Each structure stands twice: as C-alpha cells, then as structure tokens.
Amino acid sequence: MIIEKSKKFDKNLNEVLDYIATNSLSKAIEFMTQLEEKLLTLPHMPHKFRKSIYFNDDNIRDYIFKGYVIPYFIDNEHKKIVLLGIVKYRKNL
C-alpha cells in the first residue's frame, strides 16, 4: 500500500507546522520528521487504529500523534491509504 496525502491534509499540516514554528522552528521540523516516520508504518497494519470518531465508515481510521488526530481512508481496491486531514484532538466537537 502507498500513502497519499489529500490537499486538505497538506493544508492542515502546514497550519499546524506554522503554529508550532511560531514558538520554535526546530520543534516544527522535529514534529514533521517524527510524523513522517510514524506514517510510514501505516501500510503494515492499516486497521491497527480505532474507527474514526469523525466518520461513519469502518475503512476510515484515526491515527493519533502528539495530540493531533489524522483520519485516514484505507482504499483496499487501489491499495493505498489516503490521509484526510490533521486536527487537534477534542473530545467534544
């Protein structure tokens, strides 16, 4: 399986990195580096994480990383994982 980033994911990620970089550029770089490393493990066990609380679909899962939720779609037909966005985790939406 390959990992595909949606436009919304890229936009959300840039916003997160900009926010982190206002305090520390090195922390923003570290966040991005660690996130990329973790996301590379998704194809090995795509169903490992919980069913998304944001979508009613068993093929959409929530990966939680440092207080952020990354919903992703498991597209078995096209053998890819699509990262749908990244948001700060909130219990009540």
C-alpha atoms as a PDB file:
ATOM      1  CA  MET A   1       0.000   0.000   0.000  1.00  0.00           C
ATOM      2  CA  ILE A   2       1.095   3.525  -0.692  1.00  0.00           C
ATOM      3  CA  ILE A   3       0.312   6.620   1.358  1.00  0.00           C
ATOM      4  CA  GLU A   4      -1.395   9.511  -0.394  1.00  0.00           C
ATOM      5  CA  LYS A   5      -1.839  12.947   1.157  1.00  0.00           C
ATOM      6  CA  SER A   6      -5.024  14.832   0.375  1.00  0.00           C
ATOM      7  CA  LYS A   7      -4.937  18.570  -0.314  1.00  0.00           C
ATOM      8  CA  LYS A   8      -6.810  19.107   2.959  1.00  0.00           C
ATOM      9  CA  PHE A   9      -4.164  17.128   4.859  1.00  0.00           C
ATOM     10  CA  ASP A  10      -1.369  19.230   3.329  1.00  0.00           C
ATOM     11  CA  LYS A  11      -3.236  22.451   4.161  1.00  0.00           C
ATOM     12  CA  ASN A  12      -3.958  21.350   7.739  1.00  0.00           C
ATOM     13  CA  LEU A  13      -0.384  20.163   8.245  1.00  0.00           C
ATOM     14  CA  ASN A  14       1.039  23.470   7.032  1.00  0.00           C
ATOM     15  CA  GLU A  15      -1.197  25.286   9.528  1.00  0.00           C
ATOM     16  CA  VAL A  16      -0.009  23.018  12.354  1.00  0.00           C
ATOM     17  CA  LEU A  17       3.646  23.460  11.404  1.00  0.00           C
ATOM     18  CA  ASP A  18       3.250  27.244  11.134  1.00  0.00           C
ATOM     19  CA  TYR A  19       1.705  27.296  14.604  1.00  0.00           C
ATOM     20  CA  ILE A  20       4.500  25.187  16.119  1.00  0.00           C
ATOM     21  CA  ALA A  21       7.155  27.233  14.311  1.00  0.00           C
ATOM     22  CA  THR A  22       5.929  30.470  15.915  1.00  0.00           C
ATOM     23  CA  ASN A  23       7.466  29.149  19.135  1.00  0.00           C
ATOM     24  CA  SER A  24      10.270  27.001  17.762  1.00  0.00           C
ATOM     25  CA  LEU A  25      11.329  26.227  14.213  1.00  0.00           C
ATOM     26  CA  SER A  26      13.344  23.241  15.411  1.00  0.00           C
ATOM     27  CA  LYS A  27      10.251  21.803  17.167  1.00  0.00           C
ATOM     28  CA  ALA A  28       8.248  22.167  13.936  1.00  0.00           C
ATOM     29  CA  ILE A  29      10.956  20.319  11.994  1.00  0.00           C
ATOM     30  CA  GLU A  30      11.132  17.631  14.690  1.00  0.00           C
ATOM     31  CA  PHE A  31       7.326  17.251  14.628  1.00  0.00           C
ATOM     32  CA  MET A  32       7.335  16.804  10.841  1.00  0.00           C
ATOM     33  CA  THR A  33      10.226  14.337  10.880  1.00  0.00           C
ATOM     34  CA  GLN A  34       8.652  12.184  13.591  1.00  0.00           C
ATOM     35  CA  LEU A  35       5.226  12.311  11.938  1.00  0.00           C
ATOM     36  CA  GLU A  36       6.627  11.168   8.589  1.00  0.00           C
ATOM     37  CA  GLU A  37       8.407   8.259  10.289  1.00  0.00           C
ATOM     38  CA  LYS A  38       5.228   7.159  12.061  1.00  0.00           C
ATOM     39  CA  LEU A  39       3.040   7.473   8.968  1.00  0.00           C
ATOM     40  CA  LEU A  40       5.363   5.168   7.040  1.00  0.00           C
ATOM     41  CA  THR A  41       4.297   2.338   9.371  1.00  0.00           C
ATOM     42  CA  LEU A  42       0.589   2.621   8.444  1.00  0.00           C
ATOM     43  CA  PRO A  43       0.706   0.305   5.397  1.00  0.00           C
ATOM     44  CA  HIS A  44       1.936  -2.594   7.547  1.00  0.00           C
ATOM     45  CA  MET A  45      -1.171  -2.612   9.779  1.00  0.00           C
ATOM     46  CA  PRO A  46      -3.722  -0.131   8.419  1.00  0.00           C
ATOM     47  CA  HIS A  47      -6.572  -1.364  10.637  1.00  0.00           C
ATOM     48  CA  LYS A  48      -4.496  -1.077  13.820  1.00  0.00           C
ATOM     49  CA  PHE A  49      -6.037   2.213  14.903  1.00  0.00           C
ATOM     50  CA  ARG A  50      -9.564   2.977  16.051  1.00  0.00           C
ATOM     51  CA  LYS A  51     -12.505   3.504  13.747  1.00  0.00           C
ATOM     52  CA  SER A  52     -12.789   7.239  13.158  1.00  0.00           C
ATOM     53  CA  ILE A  53     -14.936   9.271  15.520  1.00  0.00           C
ATOM     54  CA  TYR A  54     -15.407  11.816  12.724  1.00  0.00           C
ATOM     55  CA  PHE A  55     -16.732   9.456  10.009  1.00  0.00           C
ATOM     56  CA  ASN A  56     -19.167   6.543   9.967  1.00  0.00           C
ATOM     57  CA  ASP A  57     -17.024   4.197   7.869  1.00  0.00           C
ATOM     58  CA  ASP A  58     -15.013   1.163   9.012  1.00  0.00           C
ATOM     59  CA  ASN A  59     -12.334   1.969   6.444  1.00  0.00           C
ATOM     60  CA  ILE A  60     -11.661   5.404   7.926  1.00  0.00           C
ATOM     61  CA  ARG A  61      -9.395   5.252  10.952  1.00  0.00           C
ATOM     62  CA  ASP A  62      -7.945   7.820  13.353  1.00  0.00           C
ATOM     63  CA  TYR A  63      -4.210   7.908  13.891  1.00  0.00           C
ATOM     64  CA  ILE A  64      -3.353   9.959  16.979  1.00  0.00           C
ATOM     65  CA  PHE A  65       0.013  11.697  17.093  1.00  0.00           C
ATOM     66  CA  LYS A  66       1.078  14.149  19.810  1.00  0.00           C
ATOM     67  CA  GLY A  67      -2.465  15.337  20.492  1.00  0.00           C
ATOM     68  CA  TYR A  68      -3.436  15.550  16.819  1.00  0.00           C
ATOM     69  CA  VAL A  69      -5.866  13.244  15.041  1.00  0.00           C
ATOM     70  CA  ILE A  70      -5.126  12.173  11.482  1.00  0.00           C
ATOM     71  CA  PRO A  71      -8.136  10.489   9.896  1.00  0.00           C
ATOM     72  CA  TYR A  72      -7.149   8.221   7.026  1.00  0.00           C
ATOM     73  CA  PHE A  73      -9.068   6.163   4.476  1.00  0.00           C
ATOM     74  CA  ILE A  74      -7.992   2.612   3.705  1.00  0.00           C
ATOM     75  CA  ASP A  75      -8.620   2.141  -0.021  1.00  0.00           C
ATOM     76  CA  ASN A  76      -8.105  -1.601  -0.491  1.00  0.00           C
ATOM     77  CA  GLU A  77      -9.262  -1.519  -4.103  1.00  0.00           C
ATOM     78  CA  HIS A  78      -6.469   0.886  -5.132  1.00  0.00           C
ATOM     79  CA  LYS A  79      -4.025  -0.367  -2.473  1.00  0.00           C
ATOM     80  CA  LYS A  80      -3.495   2.994  -0.860  1.00  0.00           C
ATOM     81  CA  ILE A  81      -4.049   4.908   2.353  1.00  0.00           C
ATOM     82  CA  VAL A  82      -5.345   8.445   1.940  1.00  0.00           C
ATOM     83  CA  LEU A  83      -4.563  10.928   4.715  1.00  0.00           C
ATOM     84  CA  LEU A  84      -7.701  13.053   5.000  1.00  0.00           C
ATOM     85  CA  GLY A  85      -6.577  15.814   7.365  1.00  0.00           C
ATOM     86  CA  ILE A  86      -4.968  16.597  10.687  1.00  0.00           C
ATOM     87  CA  VAL A  87      -6.783  18.279  13.566  1.00  0.00           C
ATOM     88  CA  LYS A  88      -6.112  18.978  17.204  1.00  0.00           C
ATOM     89  CA  TYR A  89      -7.910  16.327  19.249  1.00  0.00           C
ATOM     90  CA  ARG A  90     -11.078  17.479  21.002  1.00  0.00           C
ATOM     91  CA  LYS A  91     -13.449  15.289  22.941  1.00  0.00           C
ATOM     92  CA  ASN A  92     -16.478  17.376  22.056  1.00  0.00           C
ATOM     93  CA  LEU A  93     -16.875  18.669  18.537  1.00  0.00           C
END
